[in-house]
Protein backbone atom coordinates (compact mmCIF):
# COMPACT_ATOMS: atom_id res chain seq x y z
CA UNK A 1 142.66 -9.07 144.28
CA UNK A 2 140.77 -10.98 141.59
CA UNK A 3 140.26 -14.10 143.69
CA UNK A 4 138.94 -12.09 146.66
CA UNK A 5 135.22 -11.35 147.02
CA UNK A 6 133.19 -8.97 149.13
CA UNK A 7 131.72 -10.67 152.18
CA UNK A 8 130.03 -7.79 153.99
CA UNK A 9 130.03 -4.04 154.62
CA UNK A 10 129.88 -2.72 158.17
CA UNK A 11 128.81 0.72 159.37
CA UNK A 12 131.43 0.96 162.12
CA UNK A 13 135.05 0.06 162.62
CA UNK A 14 134.10 -1.86 165.75
CA UNK A 15 131.78 -4.23 163.85
CA UNK A 16 134.32 -4.71 161.09
CA UNK A 17 137.11 -5.44 163.57
CA UNK A 18 134.97 -8.04 165.37
CA UNK A 19 134.20 -9.83 162.11
CA UNK A 20 137.84 -9.68 161.04
CA UNK A 21 138.99 -11.14 164.36
CA UNK A 22 136.47 -14.00 164.13
CA UNK A 23 137.69 -14.89 160.65
CA UNK A 24 141.34 -14.59 161.66
CA UNK A 25 140.79 -16.94 164.62
CA UNK A 26 139.21 -19.44 162.21
CA UNK A 27 142.29 -19.07 159.97
CA UNK A 28 140.26 -17.52 157.14
CA UNK A 29 142.28 -14.79 155.40
CA UNK A 30 140.47 -11.47 155.22
CA UNK A 31 141.01 -7.86 154.24
CA UNK A 32 139.25 -4.71 155.43
CA UNK A 33 138.90 -1.70 153.16
CA UNK A 34 137.37 1.60 154.12
CA UNK A 35 137.92 5.09 155.37
CA UNK A 36 138.36 4.26 159.05
CA UNK A 37 140.83 6.88 160.20
CA UNK A 38 139.36 10.10 158.89
CA UNK A 39 139.83 13.20 161.02
CA UNK A 40 139.52 11.28 164.31
CA UNK A 41 142.58 9.04 163.90
CA UNK A 42 143.13 5.33 163.49
CA UNK A 43 141.49 4.41 166.81
CA UNK A 44 138.06 5.78 165.84
CA UNK A 45 135.44 3.01 166.05
CA UNK A 46 132.22 4.90 165.30
CA UNK A 47 130.17 5.11 162.09
CA UNK A 48 132.18 5.59 158.90
CA UNK A 49 130.83 7.21 155.74
CA UNK A 50 130.66 4.55 153.05
CA UNK A 51 131.18 1.77 155.56
CA UNK A 52 134.03 -0.70 155.88
CA UNK A 53 134.05 -3.61 153.46
CA UNK A 54 135.34 -7.05 154.39
CA UNK A 55 136.82 -9.29 151.70
CA UNK A 56 137.74 -12.98 151.79
CA UNK A 57 139.18 -15.37 149.19
CA UNK A 58 136.42 -16.68 146.93
CA UNK A 59 137.16 -20.25 148.03
CA UNK A 60 136.35 -19.30 151.65
CA UNK A 61 133.15 -17.30 151.08
CA UNK A 62 130.69 -20.00 152.21
CA UNK A 63 132.68 -20.88 155.33
CA UNK A 64 133.06 -17.19 156.22
CA UNK A 65 129.31 -16.53 155.76
CA UNK A 66 128.47 -19.47 158.00
CA UNK A 67 130.95 -18.39 160.66
CA UNK A 68 129.62 -14.82 160.79
CA UNK A 69 126.01 -16.02 160.32
CA UNK A 70 125.47 -13.80 157.27
CA UNK A 71 122.76 -14.23 154.65
CA UNK A 72 123.80 -14.59 151.01
């Protein structure tokens, strides 16, 4: 994963899933990493300890930031 960089960390699965879907629709590859399931199961969308981190290829970082309207 050396050419992938961290784009953002989200507090909830819901926020992370929305960002992932936006990037996917724009054909920007992305990867979510975090402890989403926990004791509540895979469908849990509330706050997650440690957050959920979204990664994109380093070549797509600027486009992804612009799309999600994130600050650097």
